[in-house]
Amino acid sequence: MRAAIAGVPVLVVLCVLPIASCAPGSDAGGPLAVAAEAPSRTTGPLADGRPGDGTRTANATDVAWLQLAISMTGQALRLLGSVRDRTSDPALIRAAARMSEAHRAQLGRLRELLRATGVPESDEHEGHDIPGVVTADDLAVLGRAQGPAFDRLFARHIGEYLRQSVLVAAGERTSGADPEIKIFAAALSRARTADLAQLPS
């Protein structure tokens, strides 16, 4: 994932440090193919939401996490939006509706935080087979499923997405620099953990 921070192109690898290795060729690093050519930072735009204050900094990990979380959340919303038409399970329909409402608010906040860094939103993850990102192919398969078959596929995809969301947020909390972004990563991790616990069995 490339992001330009303060005019410097940065390729960031977001590693969940307690879990995944960043060593070249490590399978554990695959889900978060995101770290660093340079420890570049942007200063100013994140200062209490006001540009130029310079009291806060966002590093490459902050930006990489925001971009990946935006992509993951947006694709998950497409998956959640398909539930009502594909299942007859009322508990699943209720869970998807609740998660959709929360995810829309979370997506808005992620975009707000990214705008404050001065880095534009990108679609670099679209079409990539990254664990936790629901792809167009996944959605096509789900679109052909109905009833219990859909329920099983949905549970697998949404479960993988939620677990990876928690792992990626842990990487941001460990390696990010901006306090506000790290606080939101912690809040998002708690919300996604709660979503996992509340999924119908």
Protein backbone atom coordinates (compact mmCIF):
# COMPACT_ATOMS: atom_id res chain seq x y z
CA MET A 1 0.00 0.00 0.00
CA ARG A 2 1.48 3.37 -1.01
CA ALA A 3 0.63 6.58 0.71
CA ALA A 4 2.18 9.99 0.20
CA ILE A 5 2.88 11.62 3.53
CA ALA A 6 4.26 15.15 3.48
CA GLY A 7 5.12 14.62 -0.18
CA VAL A 8 7.15 11.45 0.43
CA PRO A 9 5.90 8.13 -1.06
CA VAL A 10 5.77 5.57 1.71
CA LEU A 11 5.21 1.82 1.39
CA VAL A 12 4.03 0.74 4.79
CA VAL A 13 3.72 -2.75 6.19
CA LEU A 14 1.30 -2.90 9.06
CA CYS A 15 2.44 -5.83 11.18
CA VAL A 16 0.60 -7.19 14.14
CA LEU A 17 3.79 -7.39 16.15
CA PRO A 18 2.85 -10.01 18.76
CA ILE A 19 1.38 -12.30 16.10
CA ALA A 20 2.86 -11.80 12.66
CA SER A 21 6.42 -11.69 11.39
CA CYS A 22 7.53 -9.04 8.94
CA ALA A 23 10.23 -11.27 7.50
CA PRO A 24 10.18 -11.54 3.69
CA GLY A 25 8.23 -14.57 2.59
CA SER A 26 6.50 -15.01 5.93
CA ASP A 27 2.94 -16.19 5.48
CA ALA A 28 2.01 -14.47 8.72
CA GLY A 29 2.66 -11.07 7.17
CA GLY A 30 0.29 -11.71 4.26
CA PRO A 31 -2.98 -10.44 5.68
CA LEU A 32 -1.53 -7.02 6.41
CA ALA A 33 0.67 -6.44 3.41
CA VAL A 34 1.24 -2.96 4.37
CA ALA A 35 5.47 -1.19 6.31
CA ALA A 36 8.09 0.95 5.88
CA GLU A 37 10.50 2.26 3.36
CA ALA A 38 10.82 5.37 5.52
CA PRO A 39 9.56 6.50 8.92
CA SER A 40 7.93 9.57 7.42
CA ARG A 41 5.42 11.58 9.39
CA THR A 42 2.97 14.30 8.63
CA THR A 43 2.55 17.04 11.19
CA GLY A 44 -0.10 19.64 11.75
CA PRO A 45 -3.32 18.51 10.04
CA LEU A 46 -4.30 16.23 12.91
CA ALA A 47 -3.93 18.79 15.68
CA ASP A 48 -7.33 18.65 17.38
CA GLY A 49 -8.88 18.66 13.92
CA ARG A 50 -7.33 22.03 13.07
CA PRO A 51 -4.68 22.33 10.35
CA GLY A 52 -1.23 23.63 11.11
CA ASP A 53 -1.22 23.37 14.89
CA GLY A 54 1.61 20.84 14.82
CA THR A 55 0.85 19.30 18.20
CA ARG A 56 0.09 15.84 16.81
CA THR A 57 1.68 13.63 14.18
CA ALA A 58 0.47 10.75 12.05
CA ASN A 59 3.04 8.24 10.88
CA ALA A 60 2.94 5.82 7.97
CA THR A 61 1.30 3.10 10.06
CA ASP A 62 -1.56 5.45 11.00
CA VAL A 63 -2.26 6.23 7.36
CA ALA A 64 -1.88 2.62 6.23
CA TRP A 65 -4.27 1.41 8.91
CA LEU A 66 -6.88 4.04 8.05
CA GLN A 67 -6.73 3.21 4.34
CA LEU A 68 -6.97 -0.53 4.94
CA ALA A 69 -9.73 -0.18 7.55
CA ILE A 70 -11.75 2.00 5.16
CA SER A 71 -11.44 -0.62 2.42
CA MET A 72 -12.32 -3.50 4.75
CA THR A 73 -15.29 -1.68 6.29
CA GLY A 74 -16.69 -0.55 2.95
CA GLN A 75 -16.61 -4.07 1.53
CA ALA A 76 -18.11 -5.50 4.72
CA LEU A 77 -21.02 -3.08 4.36
CA ARG A 78 -21.73 -4.53 0.92
CA LEU A 79 -21.80 -8.00 2.45
CA LEU A 80 -24.04 -6.90 5.31
CA GLY A 81 -26.38 -5.21 2.86
CA SER A 82 -26.99 -8.50 1.05
CA VAL A 83 -28.28 -10.37 4.09
CA ARG A 84 -31.96 -9.43 4.06
CA ASP A 85 -32.49 -10.74 0.52
CA ARG A 86 -30.53 -13.97 0.96
CA THR A 87 -31.62 -15.43 4.30
CA SER A 88 -34.79 -16.20 6.23
CA ASP A 89 -33.00 -16.23 9.61
CA PRO A 90 -34.47 -13.34 11.63
CA ALA A 91 -31.57 -13.31 14.09
CA LEU A 92 -29.09 -12.94 11.24
CA ILE A 93 -31.15 -10.18 9.65
CA ARG A 94 -31.25 -8.26 12.95
CA ALA A 95 -27.52 -8.72 13.54
CA ALA A 96 -26.68 -7.53 10.03
CA ALA A 97 -28.92 -4.47 10.38
CA ARG A 98 -27.32 -3.54 13.71
CA MET A 99 -23.81 -4.04 12.36
CA SER A 100 -24.59 -2.06 9.19
CA GLU A 101 -25.68 0.96 11.21
CA ALA A 102 -22.56 0.83 13.39
CA HIS A 103 -20.27 0.23 10.40
CA ARG A 104 -21.62 3.27 8.53
CA ALA A 105 -20.77 5.46 11.51
CA GLN A 106 -17.34 3.83 11.86
CA LEU A 107 -16.61 4.31 8.16
CA GLY A 108 -17.48 7.98 8.43
CA ARG A 109 -15.09 8.42 11.34
CA LEU A 110 -12.29 6.54 9.55
CA ARG A 111 -12.67 8.82 6.53
CA GLU A 112 -12.69 11.89 8.76
CA LEU A 113 -9.44 10.81 10.42
CA LEU A 114 -7.82 10.08 7.05
CA ARG A 115 -8.84 13.48 5.66
CA ALA A 116 -7.20 15.11 8.68
CA THR A 117 -3.86 13.52 7.71
CA GLY A 118 -3.99 15.22 4.32
CA VAL A 119 -3.67 11.86 2.53
CA PRO A 120 -6.42 11.05 0.00
CA GLU A 121 -8.55 7.95 0.19
CA SER A 122 -7.47 5.30 -2.31
CA ASP A 123 -8.85 2.06 -3.71
CA GLU A 124 -5.49 0.27 -3.81
CA HIS A 125 -6.90 -2.75 -1.98
CA GLU A 126 -9.81 -3.26 -4.38
CA GLY A 127 -9.60 -6.68 -5.97
CA HIS A 128 -6.75 -7.84 -3.73
CA ASP A 129 -7.11 -11.18 -2.01
CA ILE A 130 -6.30 -9.94 1.50
CA PRO A 131 -7.70 -11.90 4.46
CA GLY A 132 -10.50 -9.90 5.99
CA VAL A 133 -11.33 -7.99 2.79
CA VAL A 134 -14.54 -9.22 1.16
CA THR A 135 -13.80 -9.28 -2.57
CA ALA A 136 -16.07 -8.85 -5.57
CA ASP A 137 -15.68 -12.57 -6.26
CA ASP A 138 -16.78 -13.36 -2.71
CA LEU A 139 -19.84 -11.17 -3.14
CA ALA A 140 -20.65 -12.86 -6.46
CA VAL A 141 -20.56 -16.31 -4.83
CA LEU A 142 -22.70 -15.07 -1.94
CA GLY A 143 -25.13 -13.55 -4.44
CA ARG A 144 -25.79 -17.00 -5.88
CA ALA A 145 -26.41 -18.57 -2.47
CA GLN A 146 -29.68 -18.65 -0.60
CA GLY A 147 -30.95 -19.77 2.80
CA PRO A 148 -28.68 -22.01 4.90
CA ALA A 149 -25.97 -22.07 2.20
CA PHE A 150 -25.80 -18.28 2.31
CA ASP A 151 -25.85 -18.29 6.10
CA ARG A 152 -22.77 -20.52 6.22
CA LEU A 153 -20.86 -18.43 3.69
CA PHE A 154 -21.84 -15.20 5.41
CA ALA A 155 -20.73 -16.49 8.81
CA ARG A 156 -17.35 -17.51 7.38
CA HIS A 157 -16.69 -14.22 5.58
CA ILE A 158 -17.97 -11.87 8.27
CA GLY A 159 -16.14 -13.83 10.96
CA GLU A 160 -12.84 -13.64 9.06
CA TYR A 161 -13.36 -9.93 8.44
CA LEU A 162 -14.08 -9.16 12.10
CA ARG A 163 -11.10 -11.17 13.35
CA GLN A 164 -8.73 -9.51 10.89
CA SER A 165 -10.13 -6.10 11.83
CA VAL A 166 -9.15 -6.75 15.43
CA LEU A 167 -5.66 -7.92 14.42
CA VAL A 168 -5.02 -4.92 12.17
CA ALA A 169 -6.24 -2.54 14.88
CA ALA A 170 -3.77 -4.17 17.28
CA GLY A 171 -0.97 -3.36 14.83
CA GLU A 172 -2.08 0.28 14.71
CA ARG A 173 -2.21 0.50 18.49
CA THR A 174 1.33 -0.91 18.70
CA SER A 175 3.01 0.99 15.86
CA GLY A 176 0.86 4.05 15.18
CA ALA A 177 1.84 7.52 16.39
CA ASP A 178 -1.27 9.68 16.43
CA PRO A 179 -3.12 9.47 19.77
CA GLU A 180 -6.59 10.11 18.32
CA ILE A 181 -6.19 7.48 15.62
CA LYS A 182 -4.87 4.95 18.15
CA ILE A 183 -7.79 5.66 20.47
CA PHE A 184 -10.22 5.03 17.61
CA ALA A 185 -8.37 1.83 16.69
CA ALA A 186 -8.91 0.61 20.25
CA ALA A 187 -12.61 1.54 20.10
CA LEU A 188 -13.00 -0.17 16.74
CA SER A 189 -11.31 -3.30 18.07
CA ARG A 190 -13.76 -3.44 20.99
CA ALA A 191 -16.72 -2.93 18.66
CA ARG A 192 -15.61 -5.66 16.24
CA THR A 193 -14.92 -8.06 19.12
CA ALA A 194 -18.46 -7.42 20.38
CA ASP A 195 -19.82 -8.02 16.87
CA LEU A 196 -18.09 -11.40 16.80
CA ALA A 197 -19.57 -12.37 20.15
CA GLN A 198 -23.07 -11.38 19.03
CA LEU A 199 -23.12 -13.21 15.70
CA PRO A 200 -25.85 -15.87 15.62
CA SER A 201 -24.38 -19.34 16.05
